Amino acid sequence: NGMENELKITVVKNGPLKVEGELKLIMPNGEEKVQKNAFLCRCGGSSNKPFCDGTHRKIGFEAE
């Protein structure tokens, strides 16, 4: 169907970015992380940045 390599990003209401598909993250130190599927922090409070650790719920994060 031509969608095998599709990357889908869903903005979760008052939560993280839900990334579905294969992605490559290039960290500030140049390290590359390749993985499938991730939840990326939007609230800035995660202790596991750039990944979500659920902190948005604890701090009452709200997005417009």
Protein backbone atom coordinates (compact mmCIF):
# COMPACT_ATOMS: atom_id res chain seq x y z
CA ASN A 1 0.00 0.00 0.00
CA GLY A 2 3.06 2.28 0.02
CA MET A 3 2.52 3.19 3.68
CA GLU A 4 5.10 0.82 5.22
CA ASN A 5 7.50 3.66 6.06
CA GLU A 6 4.86 6.16 7.09
CA LEU A 7 5.64 8.19 10.19
CA LYS A 8 2.53 9.29 12.05
CA ILE A 9 2.61 11.92 14.81
CA THR A 10 -0.46 12.47 16.95
CA VAL A 11 -0.71 15.35 19.41
CA VAL A 12 -2.23 13.93 22.60
CA LYS A 13 -4.51 16.45 24.32
CA ASN A 14 -2.57 17.94 27.25
CA GLY A 15 0.03 15.22 26.78
CA PRO A 16 2.95 14.09 24.66
CA LEU A 17 3.48 13.64 20.96
CA LYS A 18 2.66 10.04 20.04
CA VAL A 19 5.04 8.97 17.27
CA GLU A 20 4.19 5.80 15.35
CA GLY A 21 6.64 4.30 12.91
CA GLU A 22 10.40 4.19 12.67
CA LEU A 23 12.21 7.33 13.75
CA LYS A 24 15.78 8.48 14.24
CA LEU A 25 16.58 10.90 17.05
CA ILE A 26 19.90 12.71 16.95
CA MET A 27 20.85 13.68 20.49
CA PRO A 28 22.83 16.85 21.38
CA ASN A 29 26.01 14.77 21.78
CA GLY A 30 25.59 13.38 18.25
CA GLU A 31 24.38 9.97 19.39
CA GLU A 32 21.72 8.55 17.08
CA LYS A 33 18.80 6.55 18.44
CA VAL A 34 16.73 4.59 15.94
CA GLN A 35 13.52 3.05 17.22
CA LYS A 36 9.91 2.34 16.41
CA ASN A 37 7.22 4.28 18.21
CA ALA A 38 7.76 6.79 20.99
CA PHE A 39 6.02 9.31 23.16
CA LEU A 40 7.89 12.62 23.10
CA CYS A 41 7.57 15.12 25.95
CA ARG A 42 5.79 18.43 25.29
CA CYS A 43 5.46 19.70 28.87
CA GLY A 44 9.20 20.03 29.51
CA GLY A 45 8.94 18.26 32.86
CA SER A 46 10.02 14.74 31.94
CA SER A 47 13.08 13.37 33.69
CA ASN A 48 13.63 11.15 30.62
CA LYS A 49 13.68 13.85 27.91
CA PRO A 50 13.03 13.81 25.05
CA PHE A 51 10.70 10.96 26.03
CA CYS A 52 7.51 11.32 28.06
CA ASP A 53 7.52 9.88 31.57
CA GLY A 54 3.97 10.92 32.53
CA THR A 55 5.00 14.11 34.36
CA HIS A 56 2.45 16.13 32.33
CA ARG A 57 -0.32 14.56 34.43
CA LYS A 58 1.40 15.41 37.73
CA ILE A 59 2.02 19.05 36.85
CA GLY A 60 -1.34 19.68 35.19
CA PHE A 61 0.11 20.48 31.76
CA GLU A 62 -2.39 22.08 29.42
CA ALA A 63 -1.78 22.89 25.77
CA GLU A 64 -3.78 25.27 23.62
